[in-house]
Amino acid sequence: MSAHSKLPSDSDPATIAATQAYRSREAWRVFEIMSEFVEATERLQAIQPAVSIFGSARTSRDHPYYQLTEEIGRLLSDAGFSVISGGGPGIMEAANKGAFHGKSPSVGLNIQLEHEQHGNPYQDVSQSFRHFFARKVMFVKNATAYVVMPGGFGTLDEVSEALTLIQTGKSRKIPIILVGSAFWSGLLDWFRGTLLSERMINPDDMNLIQVIDDPRAVVDAIFAFYETRGFGLSPAEREMQLSL
């Protein structure tokens, strides 16, 4: 008997039944995704203006990055910004903790993972997601600014997503602030030395990023960006947000 003869045929009753069951589950999954968007949109409408803070889940509580993030979260909260994080440990916890003890809401957009993610206790508003892409939309849609602390692949994914959406005109321009000049310098050198020199990006694209190490300067930079226009969305920006 050949190897091919051992494979189930497309007309095999068991294969047909399994395929139909999968397609049914796939169709219902669309409604699950829709419900995530609807629930999150309704719950997060009242948190504006808000700043999304990103960074590593692996950062310990005694690390300087944690302490720096906590200070930034507190300053932003006291300045009137809701603070959004991924709701987990590490930098996410530090951001929520600082905001939790401040004047404005601390918001966690939690992702359901089998082993890694667990929610931190410093959340006034906690929204849970099963799908990464739905969660990412909410980070962008509700952010007045991005503050990006040192982190790994997830952090790089979030900042790349924001840069791409702004660069392509699919999202409004907001401040994207990288905190930790020593940590980010190698990546920014590569942006300039490789992406820019080989014309993979335009010179103006580098202006989408600011590098700031001082916590109070982070808050000041966000206020300076909105000084002449306010935090509300223009009619054109509202339409743009619908296309995220």
Protein backbone atom coordinates (compact mmCIF):
# COMPACT_ATOMS: atom_id res chain seq x y z
CA MET A 1 0.00 0.00 0.00
CA SER A 2 1.43 3.41 -0.97
CA ALA A 3 1.68 6.33 1.41
CA HIS A 4 -0.89 8.23 -0.65
CA SER A 5 -3.48 5.48 -0.25
CA LYS A 6 -3.37 5.94 3.53
CA LEU A 7 -4.44 9.59 3.31
CA PRO A 8 -8.18 10.26 3.73
CA SER A 9 -10.00 11.14 0.53
CA ASP A 10 -11.85 14.45 0.15
CA SER A 11 -14.96 12.34 -0.38
CA ASP A 12 -14.39 10.30 2.76
CA PRO A 13 -17.41 10.80 5.09
CA ALA A 14 -15.22 11.49 8.11
CA THR A 15 -13.23 14.12 6.19
CA ILE A 16 -16.39 15.79 4.91
CA ALA A 17 -17.87 15.92 8.40
CA ALA A 18 -14.67 17.37 9.90
CA THR A 19 -14.45 20.00 7.15
CA GLN A 20 -18.07 21.04 7.65
CA ALA A 21 -17.58 21.27 11.41
CA TYR A 22 -14.48 23.44 10.96
CA ARG A 23 -16.23 25.77 8.52
CA SER A 24 -19.14 26.17 10.91
CA ARG A 25 -16.79 27.07 13.76
CA GLU A 26 -14.92 29.48 11.49
CA ALA A 27 -18.16 31.26 10.55
CA TRP A 28 -19.21 31.63 14.18
CA ARG A 29 -15.74 32.95 15.04
CA VAL A 30 -16.57 36.05 12.97
CA PHE A 31 -19.37 36.85 15.43
CA GLU A 32 -16.96 36.39 18.35
CA ILE A 33 -14.60 38.90 16.76
CA MET A 34 -17.46 41.35 16.14
CA SER A 35 -18.58 41.06 19.76
CA GLU A 36 -15.04 41.84 20.97
CA PHE A 37 -14.95 45.02 18.89
CA VAL A 38 -18.43 46.13 19.97
CA GLU A 39 -17.89 45.50 23.68
CA ALA A 40 -14.43 47.13 23.74
CA THR A 41 -15.58 50.16 21.73
CA GLU A 42 -18.49 50.80 24.09
CA ARG A 43 -16.44 50.35 27.26
CA LEU A 44 -13.49 52.49 26.16
CA GLN A 45 -15.38 55.49 24.78
CA ALA A 46 -15.28 57.27 28.12
CA ILE A 47 -11.54 57.07 28.79
CA GLN A 48 -10.39 59.93 26.52
CA PRO A 49 -7.84 61.40 26.32
CA ALA A 50 -5.67 58.33 26.80
CA VAL A 51 -2.04 57.33 26.36
CA SER A 52 -1.00 53.77 25.50
CA ILE A 53 2.18 52.54 27.19
CA PHE A 54 4.04 49.48 25.90
CA GLY A 55 7.00 47.50 27.17
CA SER A 56 8.27 44.12 28.26
CA ALA A 57 6.19 41.74 30.37
CA ARG A 58 9.45 40.32 31.71
CA THR A 59 10.71 43.42 33.52
CA SER A 60 11.03 42.84 37.27
CA ARG A 61 9.56 45.21 39.84
CA ASP A 62 13.00 46.27 41.09
CA HIS A 63 14.28 47.15 37.62
CA PRO A 64 14.87 50.83 36.77
CA TYR A 65 12.63 50.46 33.70
CA TYR A 66 9.73 49.42 35.95
CA GLN A 67 10.24 52.35 38.28
CA LEU A 68 10.59 54.78 35.38
CA THR A 69 7.38 53.48 33.81
CA GLU A 70 5.49 53.76 37.07
CA GLU A 71 6.54 57.39 37.37
CA ILE A 72 5.47 58.15 33.80
CA GLY A 73 2.13 56.45 34.38
CA ARG A 74 1.50 58.50 37.52
CA LEU A 75 2.46 61.78 35.85
CA LEU A 76 0.23 61.09 32.86
CA SER A 77 -2.67 60.13 35.10
CA ASP A 78 -2.30 63.25 37.24
CA ALA A 79 -2.13 65.33 34.06
CA GLY A 80 -5.57 64.05 33.00
CA PHE A 81 -4.71 61.13 30.71
CA SER A 82 -6.15 57.68 31.11
CA VAL A 83 -3.27 55.22 30.85
CA ILE A 84 -3.71 52.10 28.72
CA SER A 85 -1.45 49.08 28.97
CA GLY A 86 -1.66 45.45 27.96
CA GLY A 87 -2.85 44.65 31.47
CA GLY A 88 -0.14 42.09 32.24
CA PRO A 89 3.02 42.01 34.36
CA GLY A 90 6.31 43.88 33.96
CA ILE A 91 6.16 47.25 32.25
CA MET A 92 2.41 46.85 31.76
CA GLU A 93 1.92 46.50 35.50
CA ALA A 94 4.16 49.48 36.19
CA ALA A 95 2.15 51.69 33.82
CA ASN A 96 -1.14 50.61 35.37
CA LYS A 97 0.20 50.94 38.91
CA GLY A 98 1.35 54.51 38.36
CA ALA A 99 -1.97 55.47 36.79
CA PHE A 100 -3.98 53.59 39.43
CA HIS A 101 -2.54 55.82 42.13
CA GLY A 102 -3.09 58.93 40.02
CA LYS A 103 -6.20 60.95 39.20
CA SER A 104 -7.27 59.33 35.93
CA PRO A 105 -8.33 55.78 35.00
CA SER A 106 -5.88 52.92 34.69
CA VAL A 107 -6.92 50.71 31.75
CA GLY A 108 -5.77 47.18 30.93
CA LEU A 109 -6.39 45.55 27.54
CA ASN A 110 -5.72 41.98 28.56
CA ILE A 111 -4.97 39.19 26.10
CA GLN A 112 -5.98 35.62 26.92
CA LEU A 113 -2.87 33.43 26.67
CA GLU A 114 -2.59 29.88 27.90
CA HIS A 115 0.64 30.25 29.87
CA GLU A 116 2.14 33.75 29.88
CA GLN A 117 -0.39 36.51 30.43
CA HIS A 118 -2.05 37.21 33.75
CA GLY A 119 -3.79 40.44 34.65
CA ASN A 120 -2.20 42.85 37.11
CA PRO A 121 -4.28 44.22 40.02
CA TYR A 122 -3.92 47.91 39.14
CA GLN A 123 -6.78 48.30 36.65
CA ASP A 124 -9.80 50.57 37.01
CA VAL A 125 -11.03 49.36 33.63
CA SER A 126 -10.15 45.85 32.46
CA GLN A 127 -11.07 44.59 28.98
CA SER A 128 -10.21 41.06 27.90
CA PHE A 129 -9.44 39.94 24.34
CA ARG A 130 -9.02 36.56 22.67
CA HIS A 131 -7.68 38.02 19.43
CA PHE A 132 -4.45 40.02 19.22
CA PHE A 133 -5.58 42.05 16.20
CA ALA A 134 -8.78 43.29 17.89
CA ARG A 135 -6.73 44.35 20.90
CA LYS A 136 -4.20 46.15 18.70
CA VAL A 137 -6.94 48.16 17.03
CA MET A 138 -8.14 49.34 20.43
CA PHE A 139 -4.64 50.43 21.42
CA VAL A 140 -4.41 52.64 18.33
CA LYS A 141 -8.00 53.82 18.18
CA ASN A 142 -8.05 55.09 21.75
CA ALA A 143 -4.52 56.50 21.99
CA THR A 144 -3.72 60.19 22.08
CA ALA A 145 -0.06 59.18 22.21
CA TYR A 146 2.17 56.10 22.37
CA VAL A 147 4.84 55.81 25.04
CA VAL A 148 7.13 52.89 24.24
CA MET A 149 9.38 51.53 26.94
CA PRO A 150 12.08 48.87 26.38
CA GLY A 151 10.55 45.58 25.31
CA GLY A 152 10.71 42.57 23.05
CA PHE A 153 8.88 41.32 19.97
CA GLY A 154 5.43 42.37 21.23
CA THR A 155 6.61 45.91 21.90
CA LEU A 156 8.31 46.11 18.50
CA ASP A 157 5.12 44.82 16.90
CA GLU A 158 3.03 47.55 18.52
CA VAL A 159 5.35 50.42 17.61
CA SER A 160 5.77 49.11 14.04
CA GLU A 161 1.99 48.85 13.69
CA ALA A 162 1.52 52.45 14.80
CA LEU A 163 4.27 53.75 12.53
CA THR A 164 2.84 51.86 9.55
CA LEU A 165 -0.72 53.10 10.12
CA ILE A 166 0.41 56.71 10.45
CA GLN A 167 2.88 56.50 7.55
CA THR A 168 0.19 55.10 5.22
CA GLY A 169 -2.51 57.53 6.33
CA LYS A 170 -4.72 54.86 7.88
CA SER A 171 -4.50 56.48 11.31
CA ARG A 172 -4.15 60.04 12.56
CA LYS A 173 -0.73 61.33 13.52
CA ILE A 174 -0.01 61.03 17.25
CA PRO A 175 3.19 61.37 19.29
CA ILE A 176 5.21 58.15 19.37
CA ILE A 177 7.72 58.51 22.18
CA LEU A 178 10.48 55.98 22.78
CA VAL A 179 11.78 56.06 26.35
CA GLY A 180 15.32 54.79 26.92
CA SER A 181 17.73 56.32 24.44
CA ALA A 182 20.46 53.74 25.16
CA PHE A 183 18.04 50.86 24.57
CA TRP A 184 16.60 52.22 21.31
CA SER A 185 19.75 53.73 19.79
CA GLY A 186 20.77 50.60 17.86
CA LEU A 187 17.35 50.24 16.23
CA LEU A 188 17.21 53.93 15.32
CA ASP A 189 20.73 53.76 13.87
CA TRP A 190 19.54 50.86 11.69
CA PHE A 191 16.51 52.88 10.61
CA ARG A 192 18.78 55.70 9.50
CA GLY A 193 21.71 53.67 8.21
CA THR A 194 19.74 50.98 6.38
CA LEU A 195 16.06 51.77 5.90
CA LEU A 196 16.63 55.42 5.10
CA SER A 197 19.85 55.00 3.09
CA GLU A 198 18.24 52.29 0.96
CA ARG A 199 15.08 54.38 0.55
CA MET A 200 12.81 51.92 2.30
CA ILE A 201 11.38 54.90 4.23
CA ASN A 202 11.27 58.64 3.59
CA PRO A 203 13.35 61.14 5.60
CA ASP A 204 10.15 62.60 7.09
CA ASP A 205 9.21 59.20 8.50
CA MET A 206 11.93 59.54 11.11
CA ASN A 207 10.08 62.59 12.43
CA LEU A 208 7.24 60.32 13.55
CA ILE A 209 9.44 59.17 16.44
CA GLN A 210 10.69 61.08 19.47
CA VAL A 211 13.22 59.77 21.99
CA ILE A 212 12.75 61.17 25.49
CA ASP A 213 14.20 59.88 28.75
CA ASP A 214 12.83 62.34 31.32
CA PRO A 215 9.32 61.45 32.60
CA ARG A 216 8.09 65.03 32.85
CA ALA A 217 9.43 65.78 29.39
CA VAL A 218 7.30 62.89 28.07
CA VAL A 219 4.15 64.56 29.40
CA ASP A 220 5.26 67.98 28.14
CA ALA A 221 5.89 66.60 24.64
CA ILE A 222 2.37 65.22 24.43
CA PHE A 223 0.82 68.52 25.53
CA ALA A 224 3.06 70.42 23.10
CA PHE A 225 1.86 68.27 20.20
CA TYR A 226 -1.79 69.08 20.92
CA GLU A 227 -1.29 72.68 22.02
CA THR A 228 -2.77 74.24 18.89
CA ARG A 229 -5.45 71.68 18.05
CA GLY A 230 -6.85 70.05 21.18
CA PHE A 231 -7.30 66.35 21.89
CA GLY A 232 -10.58 65.82 20.06
CA LEU A 233 -10.81 64.18 16.64
CA SER A 234 -11.56 66.26 13.57
CA PRO A 235 -14.34 64.99 11.25
CA ALA A 236 -11.68 63.71 8.83
CA GLU A 237 -9.87 61.87 11.65
CA ARG A 238 -13.13 60.27 12.79
CA GLU A 239 -13.62 58.86 9.29
CA MET A 240 -9.98 57.73 9.25
CA GLN A 241 -10.45 55.83 12.52
CA LEU A 242 -13.27 53.82 10.94
CA SER A 243 -10.77 52.43 8.41
CA LEU A 244 -8.28 51.04 10.97
